[in-house]
Amino acid sequence: MDVDNLIEMANRIGEFFDSMPDRAEAVDSIAEHIRRFWEPRMRLAILGALDDPQASATMEPIVLEALKLHKADLMPKTATA
């Protein structure tokens, strides 16, 4: 999984929602979009990038905020049998 590409995609999503007048709503909307439309492997990869200072430095501030604030919600649920 190309983390740089995922960060670029997340940054584009962040730029779109950053135009919202309510910052909290924008942050929540970014996380909700990623949760709903990204497959679990993609979410795991971008959340893993939060621990890499070099990778996280390339994230837009609003994206970084959304990922950190909603990290638990973005973690894929483990399958239970």
N, C-alpha and C. Protein backbone atom coordinates (compact mmCIF):
# COMPACT_ATOMS: atom_id res chain seq x y z
N MET A 1 0.86 -1.17 0.00
CA MET A 1 0.00 0.00 0.00
C MET A 1 0.91 1.25 0.00
N ASP A 2 0.69 2.13 -0.94
CA ASP A 2 1.49 3.34 -1.08
C ASP A 2 0.95 4.43 -0.14
N VAL A 3 1.61 4.59 0.99
CA VAL A 3 1.16 5.54 2.02
C VAL A 3 1.20 6.97 1.49
N ASP A 4 2.18 7.29 0.67
CA ASP A 4 2.26 8.65 0.12
C ASP A 4 1.02 8.97 -0.72
N ASN A 5 0.55 7.99 -1.48
CA ASN A 5 -0.65 8.18 -2.28
C ASN A 5 -1.88 8.34 -1.38
N LEU A 6 -1.95 7.56 -0.31
CA LEU A 6 -3.07 7.68 0.62
C LEU A 6 -3.09 9.05 1.29
N ILE A 7 -1.91 9.53 1.65
CA ILE A 7 -1.83 10.86 2.26
C ILE A 7 -2.27 11.93 1.26
N GLU A 8 -1.85 11.78 0.02
CA GLU A 8 -2.26 12.73 -1.01
C GLU A 8 -3.79 12.71 -1.17
N MET A 9 -4.38 11.53 -1.19
CA MET A 9 -5.84 11.42 -1.29
C MET A 9 -6.52 12.06 -0.08
N ALA A 10 -6.01 11.77 1.12
CA ALA A 10 -6.59 12.34 2.33
C ALA A 10 -6.46 13.86 2.33
N ASN A 11 -5.34 14.36 1.85
CA ASN A 11 -5.15 15.82 1.77
C ASN A 11 -6.16 16.47 0.83
N ARG A 12 -6.47 15.79 -0.28
CA ARG A 12 -7.49 16.33 -1.20
C ARG A 12 -8.86 16.35 -0.53
N ILE A 13 -9.16 15.29 0.22
CA ILE A 13 -10.42 15.25 0.97
C ILE A 13 -10.43 16.38 1.99
N GLY A 14 -9.32 16.57 2.68
CA GLY A 14 -9.21 17.63 3.67
C GLY A 14 -9.38 19.01 3.06
N GLU A 15 -8.81 19.22 1.90
CA GLU A 15 -8.95 20.52 1.23
C GLU A 15 -10.41 20.80 0.89
N PHE A 16 -11.13 19.76 0.47
CA PHE A 16 -12.54 19.94 0.15
C PHE A 16 -13.33 20.35 1.40
N PHE A 17 -13.17 19.60 2.48
CA PHE A 17 -13.95 19.86 3.68
C PHE A 17 -13.46 21.08 4.46
N ASP A 18 -12.23 21.50 4.22
CA ASP A 18 -11.67 22.67 4.92
C ASP A 18 -12.42 23.95 4.58
N SER A 19 -13.16 23.94 3.49
CA SER A 19 -13.92 25.13 3.12
C SER A 19 -15.20 25.30 3.94
N MET A 20 -15.55 24.30 4.74
CA MET A 20 -16.75 24.40 5.57
C MET A 20 -16.53 25.46 6.65
N PRO A 21 -17.55 26.23 6.97
CA PRO A 21 -17.38 27.28 7.98
C PRO A 21 -17.17 26.75 9.40
N ASP A 22 -17.68 25.58 9.68
CA ASP A 22 -17.55 24.98 11.03
C ASP A 22 -16.40 23.97 11.01
N ARG A 23 -15.29 24.33 11.66
CA ARG A 23 -14.11 23.47 11.61
C ARG A 23 -14.37 22.10 12.22
N ALA A 24 -15.09 22.04 13.33
CA ALA A 24 -15.37 20.75 13.96
C ALA A 24 -16.17 19.85 13.03
N GLU A 25 -17.12 20.44 12.33
CA GLU A 25 -17.91 19.66 11.37
C GLU A 25 -17.02 19.18 10.22
N ALA A 26 -16.10 20.01 9.78
CA ALA A 26 -15.18 19.64 8.71
C ALA A 26 -14.30 18.47 9.13
N VAL A 27 -13.76 18.54 10.34
CA VAL A 27 -12.90 17.47 10.86
C VAL A 27 -13.69 16.16 10.94
N ASP A 28 -14.89 16.23 11.47
CA ASP A 28 -15.74 15.05 11.58
C ASP A 28 -16.08 14.49 10.19
N SER A 29 -16.32 15.37 9.24
CA SER A 29 -16.68 14.95 7.88
C SER A 29 -15.52 14.25 7.18
N ILE A 30 -14.31 14.70 7.41
CA ILE A 30 -13.13 14.04 6.83
C ILE A 30 -13.04 12.61 7.36
N ALA A 31 -13.15 12.47 8.67
CA ALA A 31 -13.05 11.14 9.27
C ALA A 31 -14.19 10.24 8.79
N GLU A 32 -15.39 10.78 8.71
CA GLU A 32 -16.54 10.00 8.26
C GLU A 32 -16.36 9.55 6.82
N HIS A 33 -15.84 10.42 5.98
CA HIS A 33 -15.61 10.05 4.58
C HIS A 33 -14.60 8.90 4.51
N ILE A 34 -13.51 9.02 5.23
CA ILE A 34 -12.48 7.97 5.21
C ILE A 34 -13.05 6.66 5.77
N ARG A 35 -13.81 6.74 6.84
CA ARG A 35 -14.38 5.53 7.44
C ARG A 35 -15.34 4.84 6.48
N ARG A 36 -16.16 5.61 5.79
CA ARG A 36 -17.19 5.03 4.92
C ARG A 36 -16.65 4.52 3.59
N PHE A 37 -15.65 5.20 3.02
CA PHE A 37 -15.27 4.91 1.65
C PHE A 37 -13.89 4.26 1.48
N TRP A 38 -13.10 4.21 2.52
CA TRP A 38 -11.79 3.58 2.41
C TRP A 38 -11.86 2.17 2.98
N GLU A 39 -11.23 1.25 2.29
CA GLU A 39 -11.22 -0.13 2.79
C GLU A 39 -10.31 -0.22 4.03
N PRO A 40 -10.49 -1.25 4.83
CA PRO A 40 -9.73 -1.36 6.09
C PRO A 40 -8.21 -1.26 5.92
N ARG A 41 -7.66 -1.88 4.88
CA ARG A 41 -6.19 -1.81 4.70
C ARG A 41 -5.71 -0.38 4.48
N MET A 42 -6.51 0.39 3.76
CA MET A 42 -6.15 1.79 3.51
C MET A 42 -6.18 2.58 4.81
N ARG A 43 -7.21 2.36 5.62
CA ARG A 43 -7.31 3.06 6.89
C ARG A 43 -6.18 2.68 7.82
N LEU A 44 -5.84 1.40 7.88
CA LEU A 44 -4.72 0.97 8.73
C LEU A 44 -3.41 1.62 8.29
N ALA A 45 -3.20 1.70 6.99
CA ALA A 45 -1.95 2.28 6.48
C ALA A 45 -1.84 3.76 6.82
N ILE A 46 -2.91 4.51 6.64
CA ILE A 46 -2.81 5.96 6.92
C ILE A 46 -2.73 6.20 8.42
N LEU A 47 -3.41 5.38 9.22
CA LEU A 47 -3.30 5.54 10.67
C LEU A 47 -1.88 5.19 11.13
N GLY A 48 -1.26 4.21 10.49
CA GLY A 48 0.12 3.86 10.81
C GLY A 48 1.08 5.01 10.48
N ALA A 49 0.73 5.80 9.48
CA ALA A 49 1.58 6.93 9.09
C ALA A 49 1.60 8.02 10.16
N LEU A 50 0.62 8.00 11.05
CA LEU A 50 0.61 8.98 12.15
C LEU A 50 1.84 8.82 13.04
N ASP A 51 2.37 7.60 13.12
CA ASP A 51 3.54 7.33 13.96
C ASP A 51 4.86 7.63 13.25
N ASP A 52 4.79 7.99 11.98
CA ASP A 52 5.98 8.31 11.20
C ASP A 52 6.04 9.83 11.03
N PRO A 53 6.96 10.49 11.75
CA PRO A 53 7.02 11.95 11.69
C PRO A 53 7.20 12.50 10.28
N GLN A 54 7.95 11.79 9.45
CA GLN A 54 8.18 12.26 8.08
C GLN A 54 6.89 12.19 7.27
N ALA A 55 6.13 11.11 7.42
CA ALA A 55 4.88 10.95 6.67
C ALA A 55 3.81 11.90 7.20
N SER A 56 3.69 11.97 8.50
CA SER A 56 2.63 12.82 9.07
C SER A 56 2.90 14.31 8.80
N ALA A 57 4.15 14.66 8.58
CA ALA A 57 4.48 16.06 8.26
C ALA A 57 3.93 16.48 6.91
N THR A 58 3.62 15.51 6.04
CA THR A 58 3.08 15.83 4.72
C THR A 58 1.56 15.92 4.72
N MET A 59 0.93 15.64 5.85
CA MET A 59 -0.52 15.72 5.95
C MET A 59 -0.96 17.15 6.22
N GLU A 60 -2.07 17.53 5.59
CA GLU A 60 -2.67 18.83 5.89
C GLU A 60 -3.06 18.85 7.37
N PRO A 61 -2.94 19.99 8.04
CA PRO A 61 -3.27 20.05 9.47
C PRO A 61 -4.67 19.54 9.80
N ILE A 62 -5.65 19.83 8.96
CA ILE A 62 -7.02 19.40 9.24
C ILE A 62 -7.14 17.87 9.11
N VAL A 63 -6.38 17.28 8.21
CA VAL A 63 -6.39 15.82 8.04
C VAL A 63 -5.73 15.17 9.26
N LEU A 64 -4.62 15.71 9.66
CA LEU A 64 -3.93 15.20 10.85
C LEU A 64 -4.84 15.26 12.07
N GLU A 65 -5.53 16.37 12.22
CA GLU A 65 -6.46 16.53 13.34
C GLU A 65 -7.59 15.50 13.27
N ALA A 66 -8.14 15.30 12.09
CA ALA A 66 -9.24 14.34 11.91
C ALA A 66 -8.79 12.91 12.23
N LEU A 67 -7.61 12.54 11.74
CA LEU A 67 -7.12 11.19 11.98
C LEU A 67 -6.82 10.94 13.45
N LYS A 68 -6.22 11.92 14.10
CA LYS A 68 -5.90 11.76 15.52
C LYS A 68 -7.16 11.74 16.38
N LEU A 69 -8.09 12.63 16.10
CA LEU A 69 -9.31 12.74 16.88
C LEU A 69 -10.22 11.51 16.72
N HIS A 70 -10.23 10.95 15.54
CA HIS A 70 -11.15 9.84 15.24
C HIS A 70 -10.42 8.52 15.03
N LYS A 71 -9.23 8.39 15.54
CA LYS A 71 -8.42 7.19 15.31
C LYS A 71 -9.16 5.91 15.70
N ALA A 72 -9.78 5.89 16.85
CA ALA A 72 -10.48 4.69 17.31
C ALA A 72 -11.62 4.33 16.37
N ASP A 73 -12.34 5.33 15.88
CA ASP A 73 -13.46 5.07 14.97
C ASP A 73 -13.00 4.60 13.59
N LEU A 74 -11.79 5.00 13.21
CA LEU A 74 -11.27 4.64 11.90
C LEU A 74 -10.59 3.28 11.88
N MET A 75 -10.27 2.76 13.05
CA MET A 75 -9.65 1.44 13.11
C MET A 75 -10.66 0.39 12.63
N PRO A 76 -10.24 -0.48 11.70
CA PRO A 76 -11.16 -1.50 11.24
C PRO A 76 -11.55 -2.45 12.39
N LYS A 77 -12.78 -2.86 12.34
CA LYS A 77 -13.27 -3.80 13.36
C LYS A 77 -12.71 -5.18 13.02
N THR A 78 -12.28 -5.91 14.06
CA THR A 78 -11.76 -7.24 13.82
C THR A 78 -12.92 -8.21 13.68
N ALA A 79 -12.74 -9.16 12.82
CA ALA A 79 -13.79 -10.15 12.60
C ALA A 79 -13.84 -11.11 13.78
N THR A 80 -15.02 -11.37 14.24
CA THR A 80 -15.18 -12.34 15.33
C THR A 80 -16.05 -13.48 14.83
N ALA A 81 -15.67 -14.68 15.21
CA ALA A 81 -16.44 -15.85 14.76
C ALA A 81 -16.96 -16.62 15.94
